[in-house]
Amino acid sequence: MLKIRRSRPVDNFTILPNALLRDDRLTYCARGVLAELLSRPSGWETNADALSDRARRHRGDVVGEGRRGLRSAFSELEAAGYIVRRREKGERGRFVTVLEVFDIPQDRGTAGGTSVDGTSVGGTSASGTSSGSSDGRSTEEEDAGDEHSSALAAARAGEAASAQDRRQAELDRLYAAANDLDDDQVRRLLLQFERKRPQVYREKRQLALEQLGREEPQALQSVRAVDLLSFKYALMHYWSDGKPLPAWLTRFPR
């Protein structure tokens, strides 16, 4: 039995839906990451690697979350619709990747970005956060001494941005190429994935089934739809890990 003792803060607080905090599709790590992101002001710059650096800087290498775990949490949140990735033109005409964070999961057609299956969709973000400051400073100013004092974290994030864009472009290209494969080709790629990574294969296939069940229940009757989305989840798994995509997964059979 739990006895809950709640305070009643008047500033510096964030309101989050219970459905978000209790979303059983997400690991507890992913829920915590999402709560952290939603507690920050719009425009705050971070990514999985920067959060890992922050954790290890503040709590030490032994207990700080690693990059792989945080990248996995970001991948979970994107797959569940809480994070939507989109590309927009930045300074000097260069494209940058922008992550929109939502407190309510977004279905296709309700948010701006690219879903796991490469479908482009449109909309706006909503942080769902509420914050205040008793000394008149903004949340960004309060965070300045903590986040912006870390030149190293900022430099790493900047160096990673262009590489991340290139990797995203490669992933988008593979998604598009996968759409042109016939049923037998997709199945052969999945068989390789299943043989080499059976546990991950089962996890990604379950994610595909859950997504189709939410968004296109009728597609569950199509073996191709399930196989194709499972394969795209496999691509995202290796892409989010930050390592080169394995040749056996990207060498499409003819």
Protein backbone atom coordinates (compact mmCIF):
# COMPACT_ATOMS: atom_id res chain seq x y z
CA MET A 1 0.00 0.00 0.00
CA LEU A 2 1.24 3.46 -0.91
CA LYS A 3 0.65 6.61 1.07
CA ILE A 4 1.06 9.58 -1.23
CA ARG A 5 2.21 12.88 0.30
CA ARG A 6 1.87 15.68 -2.25
CA SER A 7 3.05 19.26 -1.92
CA ARG A 8 1.23 22.20 -3.50
CA PRO A 9 3.86 24.14 -5.45
CA VAL A 10 3.01 27.65 -6.60
CA ASP A 11 5.87 28.03 -9.07
CA ASN A 12 8.42 25.98 -11.00
CA PHE A 13 6.08 23.06 -11.63
CA THR A 14 4.89 21.09 -14.65
CA ILE A 15 1.43 19.59 -15.24
CA LEU A 16 1.47 16.24 -17.04
CA PRO A 17 -1.39 13.88 -17.98
CA ASN A 18 -1.59 10.70 -15.90
CA ALA A 19 -1.99 8.75 -19.15
CA LEU A 20 1.53 9.81 -20.12
CA LEU A 21 3.08 8.77 -16.81
CA ARG A 22 1.22 5.45 -16.88
CA ASP A 23 1.69 4.60 -20.56
CA ASP A 24 2.57 0.90 -20.37
CA ARG A 25 4.05 0.99 -23.87
CA LEU A 26 6.98 2.96 -22.46
CA THR A 27 9.75 1.84 -20.17
CA TYR A 28 10.07 3.77 -16.93
CA CYS A 29 13.26 5.29 -18.30
CA ALA A 30 11.42 6.67 -21.35
CA ARG A 31 8.64 8.10 -19.14
CA GLY A 32 11.24 9.88 -17.02
CA VAL A 33 12.99 11.29 -20.08
CA LEU A 34 9.67 12.55 -21.45
CA ALA A 35 8.81 14.23 -18.13
CA GLU A 36 12.23 15.92 -18.17
CA LEU A 37 11.77 17.19 -21.72
CA LEU A 38 8.26 18.51 -21.04
CA SER A 39 9.48 20.37 -17.96
CA ARG A 40 11.81 22.47 -20.12
CA PRO A 41 10.96 25.65 -22.07
CA SER A 42 10.30 25.48 -25.81
CA GLY A 43 13.54 26.03 -27.67
CA TRP A 44 15.70 24.26 -25.09
CA GLU A 45 18.41 22.41 -26.98
CA THR A 46 19.31 18.85 -26.07
CA ASN A 47 19.45 15.31 -27.41
CA ALA A 48 20.04 11.82 -26.05
CA ASP A 49 23.82 12.23 -25.98
CA ALA A 50 23.62 15.62 -24.23
CA LEU A 51 21.30 14.17 -21.57
CA SER A 52 23.71 11.29 -21.03
CA ASP A 53 26.60 13.73 -20.64
CA ARG A 54 24.52 15.73 -18.16
CA ALA A 55 23.65 12.62 -16.12
CA ARG A 56 27.24 11.49 -15.87
CA ARG A 57 28.48 14.99 -15.13
CA HIS A 58 26.07 15.41 -12.23
CA ARG A 59 25.96 11.88 -10.83
CA GLY A 60 29.17 10.29 -12.02
CA ASP A 61 30.00 7.68 -14.67
CA VAL A 62 28.98 4.79 -12.43
CA VAL A 63 25.33 5.76 -12.03
CA GLY A 64 24.78 8.14 -14.94
CA GLU A 65 22.63 6.80 -17.77
CA GLY A 66 24.58 5.76 -20.84
CA ARG A 67 24.08 7.04 -24.36
CA ARG A 68 22.68 3.75 -25.61
CA GLY A 69 19.97 3.71 -22.94
CA LEU A 70 18.94 7.30 -23.59
CA ARG A 71 18.97 6.84 -27.36
CA SER A 72 16.71 3.84 -26.83
CA ALA A 73 14.36 5.98 -24.69
CA PHE A 74 14.20 8.64 -27.44
CA SER A 75 13.47 5.89 -29.97
CA GLU A 76 10.63 4.57 -27.77
CA LEU A 77 9.11 8.03 -27.44
CA GLU A 78 9.30 8.59 -31.19
CA ALA A 79 7.72 5.23 -31.93
CA ALA A 80 4.91 5.93 -29.44
CA GLY A 81 4.18 9.36 -30.93
CA TYR A 82 5.43 11.55 -28.09
CA ILE A 83 8.36 12.81 -30.17
CA VAL A 84 7.94 13.82 -33.81
CA ARG A 85 11.02 14.41 -35.92
CA ARG A 86 10.89 16.90 -38.76
CA ARG A 87 13.39 18.70 -40.95
CA GLU A 88 13.31 22.43 -41.52
CA LYS A 89 15.59 24.90 -43.22
CA GLY A 90 17.88 26.74 -40.83
CA GLU A 91 20.58 29.32 -41.28
CA ARG A 92 22.35 29.54 -44.65
CA GLY A 93 19.71 27.26 -46.15
CA ARG A 94 20.99 24.15 -44.37
CA PHE A 95 18.41 21.67 -43.19
CA VAL A 96 18.33 20.82 -39.50
CA THR A 97 16.42 18.15 -37.59
CA VAL A 98 13.87 19.48 -35.09
CA LEU A 99 12.25 17.26 -32.47
CA GLU A 100 8.77 18.24 -31.34
CA VAL A 101 7.78 16.85 -27.94
CA PHE A 102 4.12 16.22 -27.07
CA ASP A 103 2.33 15.32 -23.86
CA ILE A 104 -0.30 13.43 -25.87
CA PRO A 105 0.89 10.84 -28.42
CA GLN A 106 0.41 11.94 -32.00
CA ASP A 107 -1.08 9.80 -34.74
CA ARG A 108 -0.28 10.23 -38.39
CA GLY A 109 -1.86 13.35 -39.77
CA THR A 110 -1.88 15.22 -36.45
CA ALA A 111 1.76 16.23 -35.99
CA GLY A 112 4.56 17.73 -38.07
CA GLY A 113 7.37 15.35 -38.93
CA THR A 114 8.27 11.90 -40.15
CA SER A 115 6.82 8.82 -38.53
CA VAL A 116 8.62 5.53 -38.18
CA ASP A 117 7.33 4.39 -41.56
CA GLY A 118 8.58 7.51 -43.29
CA THR A 119 5.14 9.07 -43.77
CA SER A 120 5.26 12.88 -43.77
CA VAL A 121 2.54 14.42 -41.65
CA GLY A 122 1.60 17.98 -40.64
CA GLY A 123 0.62 19.88 -37.52
CA THR A 124 1.95 21.81 -34.52
CA SER A 125 3.47 20.93 -31.18
CA ALA A 126 2.14 21.52 -27.68
CA SER A 127 4.38 21.14 -24.67
CA GLY A 128 1.66 20.88 -22.03
CA THR A 129 3.98 22.40 -19.46
CA SER A 130 3.33 25.08 -16.84
CA SER A 131 6.15 26.86 -15.07
CA GLY A 132 6.81 29.91 -12.99
CA SER A 133 9.57 31.62 -11.04
CA SER A 134 9.40 33.29 -7.63
CA ASP A 135 12.35 35.61 -8.30
CA GLY A 136 11.13 36.89 -11.64
CA ARG A 137 13.66 35.03 -13.74
CA SER A 138 12.58 32.86 -16.65
CA THR A 139 13.11 29.11 -16.64
CA GLU A 140 15.76 29.56 -19.31
CA GLU A 141 17.64 32.01 -17.10
CA GLU A 142 17.46 29.62 -14.16
CA ASP A 143 18.83 26.84 -16.32
CA ALA A 144 21.59 29.01 -17.82
CA GLY A 145 24.08 28.33 -15.06
CA ASP A 146 23.47 24.60 -15.40
CA GLU A 147 23.08 23.90 -19.10
CA HIS A 148 24.72 26.73 -21.00
CA SER A 149 27.84 26.72 -18.84
CA SER A 150 28.74 23.38 -20.36
CA ALA A 151 30.63 24.39 -23.51
CA LEU A 152 31.70 20.79 -24.01
CA ALA A 153 28.12 19.48 -24.20
CA ALA A 154 27.15 22.24 -26.61
CA ALA A 155 30.15 21.54 -28.83
CA ARG A 156 29.36 17.85 -28.95
CA ALA A 157 25.74 18.56 -29.82
CA GLY A 158 26.82 20.92 -32.59
CA GLU A 159 29.29 18.45 -34.06
CA ALA A 160 26.66 15.71 -33.96
CA ALA A 161 23.98 17.79 -35.72
CA SER A 162 25.28 17.51 -39.28
CA ALA A 163 26.10 13.81 -38.84
CA GLN A 164 22.61 13.25 -37.44
CA ASP A 165 21.08 14.96 -40.48
CA ARG A 166 23.08 12.73 -42.82
CA ARG A 167 22.01 9.64 -40.91
CA GLN A 168 18.37 10.77 -41.00
CA ALA A 169 18.59 11.29 -44.77
CA GLU A 170 20.03 7.79 -45.13
CA LEU A 171 17.25 6.33 -43.00
CA ASP A 172 14.61 8.15 -45.08
CA ARG A 173 16.21 6.78 -48.24
CA LEU A 174 16.10 3.23 -46.88
CA TYR A 175 12.45 3.65 -45.84
CA ALA A 176 11.58 4.74 -49.39
CA ALA A 177 13.59 1.90 -50.93
CA ALA A 178 11.89 -0.62 -48.64
CA ASN A 179 8.49 0.50 -49.93
CA ASP A 180 9.52 -0.68 -53.41
CA LEU A 181 10.50 -4.19 -52.29
CA ASP A 182 8.15 -7.05 -53.07
CA ASP A 183 6.71 -9.28 -50.34
CA ASP A 184 9.36 -11.99 -50.78
CA GLN A 185 12.24 -9.51 -50.55
CA VAL A 186 10.90 -7.98 -47.35
CA ARG A 187 10.43 -11.41 -45.83
CA ARG A 188 13.99 -12.47 -46.69
CA LEU A 189 15.38 -9.36 -44.99
CA LEU A 190 13.24 -10.05 -41.93
CA LEU A 191 14.46 -13.63 -41.77
CA GLN A 192 18.04 -12.38 -41.61
CA PHE A 193 17.05 -9.99 -38.82
CA GLU A 194 15.25 -12.77 -36.94
CA ARG A 195 18.23 -15.15 -37.19
CA LYS A 196 20.81 -12.59 -36.10
CA ARG A 197 18.80 -10.71 -33.45
CA PRO A 198 15.83 -12.90 -32.42
CA GLN A 199 14.93 -10.99 -29.26
CA VAL A 200 15.12 -7.56 -30.90
CA TYR A 201 13.17 -8.94 -33.86
CA ARG A 202 10.32 -10.00 -31.55
CA GLU A 203 10.31 -6.62 -29.82
CA LYS A 204 10.16 -4.67 -33.08
CA ARG A 205 7.47 -6.89 -34.55
CA GLN A 206 5.37 -6.31 -31.43
CA LEU A 207 5.86 -2.54 -31.81
CA ALA A 208 4.71 -2.81 -35.43
CA LEU A 209 1.60 -4.73 -34.41
CA GLU A 210 0.81 -2.16 -31.71
CA GLN A 211 1.24 0.79 -34.06
CA LEU A 212 -0.94 -0.75 -36.76
CA GLY A 213 -3.52 -1.68 -34.14
CA ARG A 214 -3.72 1.97 -33.05
CA GLU A 215 -3.54 3.65 -36.43
CA GLU A 216 -4.71 1.18 -39.09
CA PRO A 217 -6.43 -1.84 -37.49
CA GLN A 218 -7.44 -3.15 -40.91
CA ALA A 219 -3.77 -3.37 -41.89
CA LEU A 220 -3.27 -6.10 -39.29
CA GLN A 221 -4.88 -8.44 -41.81
CA SER A 222 -2.06 -7.71 -44.27
CA VAL A 223 1.10 -9.77 -43.82
CA ARG A 224 3.01 -7.29 -45.98
CA ALA A 225 1.96 -4.31 -43.85
CA VAL A 226 3.16 -6.00 -40.67
CA ASP A 227 6.39 -7.25 -42.27
CA LEU A 228 7.22 -3.89 -43.85
CA LEU A 229 6.66 -1.91 -40.66
CA SER A 230 8.63 -4.51 -38.66
CA PHE A 231 11.53 -4.09 -41.08
CA LYS A 232 11.40 -0.30 -40.73
CA TYR A 233 11.48 -0.67 -36.96
CA ALA A 234 14.57 -2.85 -37.43
CA LEU A 235 16.22 -0.07 -39.44
CA MET A 236 15.31 2.49 -36.77
CA HIS A 237 16.73 0.22 -34.04
CA TYR A 238 20.20 0.28 -35.57
CA TRP A 239 19.92 3.93 -36.64
CA SER A 240 19.04 5.10 -33.10
CA ASP A 241 21.96 3.11 -31.69
CA GLY A 242 24.29 5.50 -33.49
CA LYS A 243 26.28 2.74 -35.15
CA PRO A 244 26.56 2.07 -38.91
CA LEU A 245 23.58 0.17 -40.24
CA PRO A 246 24.64 -3.45 -40.80
CA ALA A 247 25.23 -4.45 -44.40
CA TRP A 248 23.13 -7.59 -44.01
CA LEU A 249 20.10 -5.41 -43.21
CA THR A 250 20.58 -2.77 -45.91
CA ARG A 251 21.77 -4.91 -48.81
CA PHE A 252 18.35 -5.33 -50.36
CA PRO A 253 17.83 -8.59 -52.28
CA ARG A 254 16.93 -8.42 -55.94
